[in-house]
Amino acid sequence: MSPHAVGRRRVHRSVAIGLPLAVLATLALSGTAVAHGRATEPRVTGTATLGDIPLGTFSNSLLPGTVDDDRGVDLGGIGSDIYPTGRKGEFWTVTDRGPNGQIKVDGKKRRTFPVPGFDPAIVKIRVSGKTVRVVDSIPITTFSGKAVTGLSNQEGRDEAPYSYDAQEPLAYNPNGLDTEGIVRAADGSFWLVDEYGPSLVHVSARGRVLTRYVPEGLNLTGTDYKVVEALPAVLLHRKINRGFEGLAQLEGGDLVIALQSPLSLPDEDAGEASRTTRLLRFSPKKQAVTAEYAYRFDPVDVVDPGEDDTSELKISSVVAVGHDRLLVEERTDNAARIHEVRLTRGANILSDAWDDDTTSPSLEELDDPAAADVPVLRKRLVVDLGKVAGVPGKIEGIARVDDDTLALINDNDFGMTDGSEAFDADGRLVDSDIETTVTYVRLSNRI
């Protein structure tokens, strides 16, 4: 090392030493890093945007004839999750069930599917400068190679599907998937999670559904792929449109699944008021859930200052960090915070008690689960994205790029908004102009 380099190191060290100890202690406690005598805050280091790709063109290139009219909708919704491919700037992403919205008819909301032939897809993207480019796409198909579609599965359990204007009912499809999370296994196959069942879905490297794992008692029939009831029956109480959302792959191959919102247990009111949701650990080798964890949301006005509706809280992404650590994103549509948790043996609540829907009070009803001897996962705040300038809303996917950088992807809902005004008089989309973006955030501390 040259004398100049030694001198520079001494100068930097002296600057740090020159800070009052009380200031250094305050910075350390607040999670703010000190580098060469100055505090560094989390910051956006790059943003890239996906260009316009007509949805019909995209879909029909994968499965010809699936979309006859895309109503002017472009490819979007790929922000359901993001997972590194192993090459710099490349990620696997997954769409959700496709363009969908809600329109009130006679005072009741109806779920609309403007492009009912759309098939959820796994999409590989490459980020280069300010541009996101699609480099590969894999349609998710049934055993016989047909589109699974994103349509609702079961009448009486899932939302009834309607046409774009909410006037014409559509047929249910037991094969339909509302995909939300993705990881890639060592053998090249993919694991996805779905909101309808809720379910864990294993698909081949080319997107064919191999097995769909669902809660015991779901009784899903008529599928063109294998269905196994391997998940706790208590999950049948998932809130509508709030099933499984996040998926992580631990070292060794075990999966961690995040339930987006608290269960409606014993009823909808209890679920809406609860701040306790659940994480599940699933062993692909055993094809079984091996652990369950109670995750406690922060108060909603802490996550999203000014918001007072607890039911707006949800988990959208989980990311494995090493053997037993996990990053968990809890959010509203406007703000998000990322915490780190450790999945210890002592935190496992998998039991007949909390997975029995007759237990009273239920886990979701407990105002203070820890006081009831429930080992709630301990959290450490990694970053409050609501305080980082340049981060868009509705972040649903998070990937760890390196030990101090995250890649975030938003869900732009295919440019759709709710309400009858989402389409013009000719049935063409009135685009929200919200684009799909990948945003890089440099953190204060390493993860």
Protein backbone atom coordinates (compact mmCIF):
# COMPACT_ATOMS: atom_id res chain seq x y z
CA MET A 1 0.00 0.00 0.00
CA SER A 2 1.34 3.42 -0.90
CA PRO A 3 2.00 6.07 1.79
CA HIS A 4 -0.71 8.18 0.16
CA ALA A 5 -3.25 5.38 0.55
CA VAL A 6 -2.28 4.97 4.20
CA GLY A 7 -2.69 8.68 4.68
CA ARG A 8 -6.13 8.65 3.12
CA ARG A 9 -7.22 5.82 5.43
CA ARG A 10 -6.00 7.77 8.45
CA VAL A 11 -7.86 10.88 7.36
CA HIS A 12 -11.10 8.97 6.93
CA ARG A 13 -10.67 7.27 10.28
CA SER A 14 -9.93 10.53 12.02
CA VAL A 15 -13.07 12.08 10.58
CA ALA A 16 -15.15 9.24 11.96
CA ILE A 17 -13.38 9.47 15.31
CA GLY A 18 -14.03 13.18 15.26
CA LEU A 19 -17.77 12.64 15.46
CA PRO A 20 -19.13 12.82 19.01
CA LEU A 21 -19.77 9.37 20.46
CA ALA A 22 -23.37 10.31 21.21
CA VAL A 23 -23.95 11.12 17.54
CA LEU A 24 -22.41 7.84 16.43
CA ALA A 25 -24.59 5.94 18.90
CA THR A 26 -27.72 7.71 17.67
CA LEU A 27 -26.88 6.91 14.05
CA ALA A 28 -26.23 3.27 14.88
CA LEU A 29 -29.51 2.90 16.76
CA SER A 30 -31.47 4.52 13.94
CA GLY A 31 -30.02 2.10 11.40
CA THR A 32 -28.19 4.87 9.53
CA ALA A 33 -24.76 3.90 8.22
CA VAL A 34 -21.72 6.07 8.78
CA ALA A 35 -19.30 6.09 5.86
CA HIS A 36 -16.16 8.23 6.01
CA GLY A 37 -17.67 10.58 8.58
CA ARG A 38 -21.07 11.15 6.99
CA ALA A 39 -24.44 9.46 7.28
CA THR A 40 -25.78 7.66 4.21
CA GLU A 41 -29.51 7.25 3.62
CA PRO A 42 -31.25 4.63 1.45
CA ARG A 43 -31.54 5.97 -2.08
CA VAL A 44 -32.69 5.08 -5.56
CA THR A 45 -29.74 4.37 -7.82
CA GLY A 46 -31.58 3.52 -11.02
CA THR A 47 -35.01 3.22 -12.60
CA ALA A 48 -35.97 1.38 -15.80
CA THR A 49 -39.31 1.21 -17.59
CA LEU A 50 -41.04 -1.46 -19.67
CA GLY A 51 -42.15 -0.22 -23.09
CA ASP A 52 -45.59 -0.76 -24.61
CA ILE A 53 -46.30 -4.28 -25.90
CA PRO A 54 -49.88 -4.94 -27.06
CA LEU A 55 -51.33 -7.67 -24.86
CA GLY A 56 -52.90 -9.54 -27.78
CA THR A 57 -49.58 -9.67 -29.62
CA PHE A 58 -47.80 -10.90 -26.51
CA SER A 59 -50.38 -13.56 -25.63
CA ASN A 60 -50.92 -14.92 -29.13
CA SER A 61 -47.19 -15.27 -29.70
CA LEU A 62 -47.13 -17.71 -26.79
CA LEU A 63 -50.46 -19.48 -27.31
CA PRO A 64 -51.98 -18.57 -30.70
CA GLY A 65 -55.64 -17.67 -30.65
CA THR A 66 -55.99 -17.09 -26.91
CA VAL A 67 -56.81 -13.38 -27.22
CA ASP A 68 -59.17 -12.13 -29.92
CA ASP A 69 -59.48 -8.57 -28.59
CA ASP A 70 -57.10 -7.04 -26.05
CA ARG A 71 -59.23 -3.83 -25.84
CA GLY A 72 -56.12 -1.70 -26.19
CA VAL A 73 -54.39 -3.16 -23.11
CA ASP A 74 -50.60 -3.48 -23.08
CA LEU A 75 -48.54 -6.11 -21.30
CA GLY A 76 -48.40 -5.26 -17.61
CA GLY A 77 -48.97 -6.84 -14.25
CA ILE A 78 -45.56 -8.55 -14.41
CA GLY A 79 -44.72 -6.89 -11.09
CA SER A 80 -46.39 -9.64 -9.07
CA ASP A 81 -42.89 -10.84 -8.17
CA ILE A 82 -39.27 -10.70 -9.27
CA TYR A 83 -36.49 -13.29 -8.89
CA PRO A 84 -32.84 -13.05 -10.03
CA THR A 85 -31.81 -15.30 -12.94
CA GLY A 86 -28.16 -15.27 -11.87
CA ARG A 87 -27.10 -12.91 -14.65
CA LYS A 88 -26.58 -9.23 -13.93
CA GLY A 89 -29.66 -7.18 -14.75
CA GLU A 90 -31.85 -10.21 -15.55
CA PHE A 91 -34.85 -11.34 -13.56
CA TRP A 92 -37.71 -13.80 -13.74
CA THR A 93 -41.08 -12.14 -13.17
CA VAL A 94 -44.64 -13.41 -13.21
CA THR A 95 -47.91 -11.82 -14.24
CA ASP A 96 -51.02 -12.01 -12.12
CA ARG A 97 -54.34 -13.29 -13.52
CA GLY A 98 -54.46 -10.54 -16.12
CA PRO A 99 -56.36 -7.29 -16.59
CA ASN A 100 -59.17 -7.16 -14.04
CA GLY A 101 -61.17 -4.56 -12.22
CA GLN A 102 -64.33 -3.86 -10.27
CA ILE A 103 -67.53 -2.12 -11.31
CA LYS A 104 -70.54 -1.53 -9.09
CA VAL A 105 -73.86 -2.80 -10.42
CA ASP A 106 -76.96 -2.29 -8.27
CA GLY A 107 -74.71 -1.33 -5.37
CA LYS A 108 -72.57 -4.50 -5.50
CA LYS A 109 -69.06 -4.83 -6.91
CA ARG A 110 -68.50 -7.20 -9.81
CA ARG A 111 -65.08 -8.54 -10.80
CA THR A 112 -64.39 -7.85 -14.48
CA PHE A 113 -62.04 -9.68 -16.87
CA PRO A 114 -61.69 -7.46 -19.97
CA VAL A 115 -59.36 -9.97 -21.68
CA PRO A 116 -60.66 -13.34 -20.41
CA GLY A 117 -58.45 -15.34 -22.77
CA PHE A 118 -55.26 -13.93 -21.25
CA ASP A 119 -53.00 -16.64 -19.84
CA PRO A 120 -50.69 -15.87 -16.87
CA ALA A 121 -47.05 -16.07 -17.90
CA ILE A 122 -43.53 -16.24 -16.55
CA VAL A 123 -41.57 -13.39 -18.11
CA LYS A 124 -37.80 -13.02 -18.14
CA ILE A 125 -36.72 -9.40 -18.30
CA ARG A 126 -33.41 -7.62 -18.78
CA VAL A 127 -32.74 -4.21 -17.27
CA SER A 128 -30.40 -2.08 -19.35
CA GLY A 129 -30.00 1.57 -18.46
CA LYS A 130 -33.49 3.06 -18.27
CA THR A 131 -35.15 0.29 -20.26
CA VAL A 132 -36.78 -3.00 -19.28
CA ARG A 133 -36.87 -5.50 -22.13
CA VAL A 134 -38.66 -8.85 -22.35
CA VAL A 135 -36.12 -11.51 -23.38
CA ASP A 136 -38.20 -14.66 -22.82
CA SER A 137 -41.78 -15.59 -21.96
CA ILE A 138 -43.26 -18.86 -20.80
CA PRO A 139 -47.05 -19.44 -20.79
CA ILE A 140 -48.44 -21.32 -17.79
CA THR A 141 -50.34 -24.28 -19.16
CA THR A 142 -52.32 -27.33 -18.11
CA PHE A 143 -51.09 -30.92 -18.43
CA SER A 144 -52.38 -31.05 -22.01
CA GLY A 145 -50.71 -27.74 -22.91
CA LYS A 146 -53.79 -25.49 -22.82
CA ALA A 147 -53.95 -22.05 -21.20
CA VAL A 148 -54.78 -22.16 -17.49
CA THR A 149 -56.28 -18.62 -17.83
CA GLY A 150 -56.69 -16.28 -14.89
CA LEU A 151 -60.41 -16.88 -14.40
CA SER A 152 -62.00 -17.64 -11.03
CA ASN A 153 -62.11 -21.31 -10.00
CA GLN A 154 -65.18 -22.07 -7.92
CA GLU A 155 -68.66 -20.63 -7.77
CA GLY A 156 -69.59 -19.61 -4.25
CA ARG A 157 -65.96 -19.32 -3.14
CA ASP A 158 -64.27 -17.04 -5.67
CA GLU A 159 -65.52 -13.80 -7.15
CA ALA A 160 -67.89 -14.32 -10.06
CA PRO A 161 -66.16 -13.32 -13.33
CA TYR A 162 -67.78 -10.76 -15.65
CA SER A 163 -67.09 -9.09 -18.98
CA TYR A 164 -65.24 -5.77 -19.20
CA ASP A 165 -68.42 -3.75 -18.61
CA ALA A 166 -69.70 -6.05 -15.82
CA GLN A 167 -72.80 -6.91 -17.82
CA GLU A 168 -72.13 -10.47 -19.02
CA PRO A 169 -71.20 -13.33 -16.64
CA LEU A 170 -68.23 -15.46 -17.70
CA ALA A 171 -67.67 -19.16 -17.06
CA TYR A 172 -65.59 -20.27 -14.08
CA ASN A 173 -62.41 -22.21 -14.86
CA PRO A 174 -61.01 -24.64 -12.24
CA ASN A 175 -57.62 -24.43 -14.00
CA GLY A 176 -57.44 -20.65 -13.48
CA LEU A 177 -54.53 -19.18 -11.50
CA ASP A 178 -54.02 -15.79 -9.91
CA THR A 179 -50.24 -16.09 -9.73
CA GLU A 180 -48.38 -13.76 -7.36
CA GLY A 181 -44.97 -15.14 -6.35
CA ILE A 182 -42.12 -16.91 -8.16
CA VAL A 183 -38.84 -18.69 -7.43
CA ARG A 184 -36.78 -21.01 -9.63
CA ALA A 185 -35.61 -24.37 -8.33
CA ALA A 186 -32.18 -25.88 -8.94
CA ASP A 187 -33.60 -28.25 -11.57
CA GLY A 188 -34.94 -25.35 -13.66
CA SER A 189 -38.57 -25.77 -12.69
CA PHE A 190 -40.54 -22.95 -11.10
CA TRP A 191 -42.61 -22.60 -7.95
CA LEU A 192 -45.48 -20.10 -7.94
CA VAL A 193 -48.12 -19.08 -5.42
CA ASP A 194 -51.75 -18.33 -6.19
CA GLU A 195 -54.47 -16.32 -4.48
CA TYR A 196 -57.52 -18.40 -5.40
CA GLY A 197 -56.88 -21.64 -3.49
CA PRO A 198 -54.77 -20.31 -1.99
CA SER A 199 -52.26 -22.64 -3.56
CA LEU A 200 -48.62 -23.45 -4.17
CA VAL A 201 -48.00 -24.42 -7.80
CA HIS A 202 -45.08 -26.40 -9.20
CA VAL A 203 -44.54 -25.90 -12.93
CA SER A 204 -41.99 -27.29 -15.34
CA ALA A 205 -39.20 -25.25 -16.91
CA ARG A 206 -41.55 -24.63 -19.84
CA GLY A 207 -44.53 -23.63 -17.70
CA ARG A 208 -46.62 -26.81 -17.59
CA VAL A 209 -48.37 -27.26 -14.23
CA LEU A 210 -46.99 -30.36 -12.55
CA THR A 211 -48.82 -30.16 -9.22
CA ARG A 212 -51.05 -27.65 -7.48
CA TYR A 213 -50.98 -27.91 -3.67
CA VAL A 214 -54.18 -26.64 -2.06
CA PRO A 215 -55.79 -26.59 1.42
CA GLU A 216 -57.42 -29.75 2.73
CA GLY A 217 -61.11 -29.69 1.96
CA LEU A 218 -60.98 -27.32 -1.02
CA ASN A 219 -62.49 -30.01 -3.25
CA LEU A 220 -61.27 -28.45 -6.48
CA THR A 221 -62.38 -30.72 -9.31
CA GLY A 222 -62.28 -30.59 -13.10
CA THR A 223 -58.65 -29.51 -13.45
CA ASP A 224 -56.37 -30.61 -16.25
CA TYR A 225 -53.44 -31.10 -13.87
CA LYS A 226 -52.69 -32.84 -10.57
CA VAL A 227 -54.17 -31.31 -7.41
CA VAL A 228 -52.96 -32.36 -3.94
CA GLU A 229 -54.65 -31.26 -0.70
CA ALA A 230 -51.47 -30.79 1.33
CA LEU A 231 -52.00 -27.41 3.03
CA PRO A 232 -53.77 -26.71 6.35
CA ALA A 233 -57.56 -26.54 6.02
CA VAL A 234 -57.62 -23.31 8.03
CA LEU A 235 -56.43 -21.55 4.86
CA LEU A 236 -59.90 -22.01 3.42
CA HIS A 237 -60.71 -18.90 5.45
CA ARG A 238 -58.51 -16.70 3.31
CA LYS A 239 -59.95 -13.31 2.49
CA ILE A 240 -61.23 -13.01 -1.10
CA ASN A 241 -58.46 -11.70 -3.37
CA ARG A 242 -55.99 -11.96 -0.47
CA GLY A 243 -54.58 -15.48 -0.69
CA PHE A 244 -50.87 -16.34 -1.05
CA GLU A 245 -48.80 -13.41 -2.25
CA GLY A 246 -45.12 -13.87 -1.38
CA LEU A 247 -42.76 -16.79 -2.00
CA ALA A 248 -39.14 -17.32 -0.99
CA GLN A 249 -36.68 -20.19 -1.45
CA LEU A 250 -34.35 -20.96 1.44
CA GLU A 251 -30.94 -22.58 1.15
CA GLY A 252 -31.60 -26.27 0.75
CA GLY A 253 -34.76 -25.76 -1.29
CA ASP A 254 -37.48 -25.31 1.33
CA LEU A 255 -40.08 -22.69 0.43
CA VAL A 256 -41.62 -19.96 2.58
CA ILE A 257 -45.11 -18.82 1.60
CA ALA A 258 -46.69 -15.59 2.81
CA LEU A 259 -50.42 -15.19 3.29
CA GLN A 260 -51.16 -11.69 2.04
CA SER A 261 -53.66 -10.74 4.75
CA PRO A 262 -55.01 -12.15 8.02
CA LEU A 263 -57.52 -14.97 7.67
CA SER A 264 -61.21 -14.16 8.03
CA LEU A 265 -61.36 -16.15 11.22
CA PRO A 266 -63.82 -16.58 12.75
CA ASP A 267 -65.43 -14.05 10.40
CA GLU A 268 -64.73 -11.22 7.98
CA ASP A 269 -64.84 -8.51 10.65
CA ALA A 270 -62.13 -10.26 12.68
CA GLY A 271 -59.90 -10.56 9.64
CA GLU A 272 -60.37 -6.92 8.63
CA ALA A 273 -59.35 -5.72 12.10
CA SER A 274 -56.44 -8.14 12.62
CA ARG A 275 -52.74 -7.36 12.28
CA THR A 276 -51.59 -10.99 12.42
CA THR A 277 -51.02 -13.00 9.29
CA ARG A 278 -49.18 -16.27 8.67
CA LEU A 279 -46.07 -17.59 6.93
CA LEU A 280 -45.76 -21.28 6.00
CA ARG A 281 -42.65 -23.37 5.42
CA PHE A 282 -43.12 -26.06 2.78
CA SER A 283 -40.78 -28.95 2.02
CA PRO A 284 -40.84 -29.95 -1.67
CA LYS A 285 -39.15 -33.23 -0.69
CA LYS A 286 -41.84 -34.11 1.84
CA GLN A 287 -44.61 -32.34 -0.12
CA ALA A 288 -45.83 -31.01 3.20
CA VAL A 289 -45.96 -27.93 5.41
CA THR A 290 -43.27 -28.35 8.08
CA ALA A 291 -43.62 -25.06 9.98
CA GLU A 292 -45.93 -22.10 10.40
CA TYR A 293 -45.14 -18.64 11.78
CA ALA A 294 -47.18 -15.73 13.12
CA TYR A 295 -46.25 -12.44 11.48
CA ARG A 296 -47.43 -9.22 13.09
CA PHE A 297 -47.95 -6.12 10.94
CA ASP A 298 -46.94 -2.69 12.17
CA PRO A 299 -49.89 -0.37 12.85
CA VAL A 300 -51.28 0.85 9.54
CA ASP A 301 -50.51 4.51 10.27
CA VAL A 302 -46.87 3.57 10.87
CA VAL A 303 -46.62 1.83 7.49
CA ASP A 304 -48.65 4.52 5.73
CA PRO A 305 -48.96 7.76 7.74
CA GLY A 306 -52.48 9.14 7.46
CA GLU A 307 -54.07 5.76 6.69
CA ASP A 308 -56.44 4.43 9.37
CA ASP A 309 -57.86 1.28 7.74
CA THR A 310 -56.04 -1.76 9.12
CA SER A 311 -57.42 -3.97 6.35
CA GLU A 312 -55.19 -2.10 3.87
CA LEU A 313 -52.14 -3.90 5.31
CA LYS A 314 -50.76 -6.78 3.28
CA ILE A 315 -47.58 -8.76 2.60
CA SER A 316 -46.54 -8.68 -1.04
CA SER A 317 -43.03 -10.07 -1.15
CA VAL A 318 -40.67 -12.26 0.87
CA VAL A 319 -37.00 -12.83 0.06
CA ALA A 320 -34.69 -15.46 1.54
CA VAL A 321 -31.38 -14.27 2.94
CA GLY A 322 -29.22 -17.22 3.89
CA HIS A 323 -30.35 -20.27 5.82
CA ASP A 324 -33.12 -18.91 8.02
CA ARG A 325 -33.44 -15.18 7.48
CA LEU A 326 -36.18 -13.53 5.47
CA LEU A 327 -36.97 -10.06 4.18
CA VAL A 328 -40.69 -9.31 4.44
CA GLU A 329 -42.40 -6.43 2.65
CA GLU A 330 -45.51 -5.14 4.41
CA ARG A 331 -47.40 -2.44 2.58
CA THR A 332 -50.48 -0.56 1.58
CA ASP A 333 -51.00 0.59 -2.01
CA ASN A 334 -49.17 3.82 -1.17
CA ALA A 335 -46.29 2.88 1.11
CA ALA A 336 -44.12 -0.07 2.13
CA ARG A 337 -41.63 -1.12 4.78
CA ILE A 338 -39.20 -4.04 4.60
CA HIS A 339 -38.34 -5.98 7.74
CA GLU A 340 -35.94 -8.81 8.43
CA VAL A 341 -37.09 -11.83 10.44
CA ARG A 342 -35.39 -15.02 11.52
CA LEU A 343 -37.28 -18.31 11.22
CA THR A 344 -36.31 -20.00 14.47
CA ARG A 345 -37.57 -23.36 15.69
CA GLY A 346 -39.08 -21.70 18.73
CA ALA A 347 -41.29 -19.52 16.51
CA ASN A 348 -43.03 -22.48 14.88
CA ILE A 349 -46.77 -22.43 15.69
CA LEU A 350 -47.78 -25.35 13.46
CA SER A 351 -50.30 -27.17 15.64
CA ASP A 352 -53.82 -28.45 15.91
CA ALA A 353 -54.74 -25.41 18.01
CA TRP A 354 -54.00 -22.46 15.71
CA ASP A 355 -54.86 -24.45 12.58
CA ASP A 356 -58.25 -25.45 14.00
CA ASP A 357 -60.92 -23.01 12.88
CA THR A 358 -62.95 -23.74 16.02
CA THR A 359 -60.22 -22.41 18.36
CA SER A 360 -61.54 -19.38 20.20
CA PRO A 361 -60.20 -16.79 20.25
CA SER A 362 -58.53 -17.40 16.92
CA LEU A 363 -54.97 -16.28 16.25
CA GLU A 364 -56.39 -13.41 14.20
CA GLU A 365 -58.56 -12.22 17.10
CA LEU A 366 -55.70 -11.85 19.58
CA ASP A 367 -54.93 -8.18 20.24
CA ASP A 368 -51.54 -9.17 21.65
CA PRO A 369 -50.51 -12.64 20.46
CA ALA A 370 -47.24 -12.53 22.42
CA ALA A 371 -49.19 -12.02 25.66
CA ALA A 372 -51.08 -15.22 24.80
CA ASP A 373 -47.75 -17.08 24.52
CA VAL A 374 -47.79 -17.04 20.71
CA PRO A 375 -44.17 -16.69 19.51
CA VAL A 376 -44.58 -13.87 17.01
CA LEU A 377 -41.63 -13.40 14.65
CA ARG A 378 -39.27 -10.66 15.80
CA LYS A 379 -38.71 -7.95 13.21
CA ARG A 380 -35.89 -5.57 12.34
CA LEU A 381 -36.67 -2.66 10.04
CA VAL A 382 -34.40 -2.70 6.99
CA VAL A 383 -35.88 0.21 5.05
CA ASP A 384 -38.98 2.37 4.97
CA LEU A 385 -39.59 2.70 1.23
CA GLY A 386 -42.16 5.43 1.84
CA LYS A 387 -39.27 7.67 2.88
CA VAL A 388 -37.09 6.92 -0.16
CA ALA A 389 -37.58 9.46 -2.93
CA GLY A 390 -38.27 7.96 -6.35
CA VAL A 391 -39.85 4.66 -5.25
CA PRO A 392 -43.20 4.16 -7.04
CA GLY A 393 -46.40 2.97 -5.41
CA LYS A 394 -47.70 -0.60 -5.21
CA ILE A 395 -44.36 -2.38 -5.01
CA GLU A 396 -45.20 -6.10 -5.17
CA GLY A 397 -41.87 -7.73 -6.04
CA ILE A 398 -38.49 -7.48 -4.34
CA ALA A 399 -35.19 -9.16 -5.24
CA ARG A 400 -31.84 -9.05 -3.48
CA VAL A 401 -29.23 -7.89 -6.00
CA ASP A 402 -26.29 -7.92 -3.60
CA ASP A 403 -25.63 -7.38 0.09
CA ASP A 404 -26.77 -3.75 0.07
CA THR A 405 -28.98 -3.35 -3.01
CA LEU A 406 -32.57 -4.37 -3.75
CA ALA A 407 -34.46 -4.44 -7.04
CA LEU A 408 -38.12 -3.45 -6.72
CA ILE A 409 -40.88 -3.97 -9.28
CA ASN A 410 -44.34 -2.41 -9.17
CA ASP A 411 -47.68 -3.82 -10.27
CA ASN A 412 -49.20 -1.37 -12.75
CA ASP A 413 -52.47 -3.37 -13.02
CA PHE A 414 -52.09 -3.45 -16.82
CA GLY A 415 -52.85 0.29 -16.85
CA MET A 416 -56.39 -0.38 -15.58
CA THR A 417 -58.42 1.46 -12.99
CA ASP A 418 -61.63 0.41 -11.28
CA GLY A 419 -65.04 1.68 -12.32
CA SER A 420 -66.96 1.93 -15.57
CA GLU A 421 -64.70 4.79 -16.72
CA ALA A 422 -61.80 2.34 -17.18
CA PHE A 423 -62.98 1.82 -20.78
CA ASP A 424 -64.33 4.31 -23.29
CA ALA A 425 -67.58 4.08 -25.23
CA ASP A 426 -65.91 1.79 -27.79
CA GLY A 427 -64.67 -0.61 -25.11
CA ARG A 428 -61.05 0.52 -25.37
CA LEU A 429 -58.85 0.99 -22.32
CA VAL A 430 -58.46 4.47 -20.87
CA ASP A 431 -54.86 3.90 -19.77
CA SER A 432 -53.80 5.03 -16.29
CA ASP A 433 -50.34 5.87 -17.69
CA ILE A 434 -48.76 3.98 -14.78
CA GLU A 435 -45.85 2.01 -16.22
CA THR A 436 -44.08 -1.14 -15.08
CA THR A 437 -40.77 -0.08 -13.56
CA VAL A 438 -37.77 -1.76 -11.98
CA THR A 439 -36.20 0.42 -9.31
CA TYR A 440 -32.84 -0.20 -7.66
CA VAL A 441 -32.47 0.92 -4.04
CA ARG A 442 -29.14 1.10 -2.23
CA LEU A 443 -29.59 0.47 1.49
CA SER A 444 -27.88 2.08 4.46
CA ASN A 445 -26.71 -1.25 5.86
CA ARG A 446 -25.83 -4.63 4.44
CA ILE A 447 -28.32 -7.46 4.48
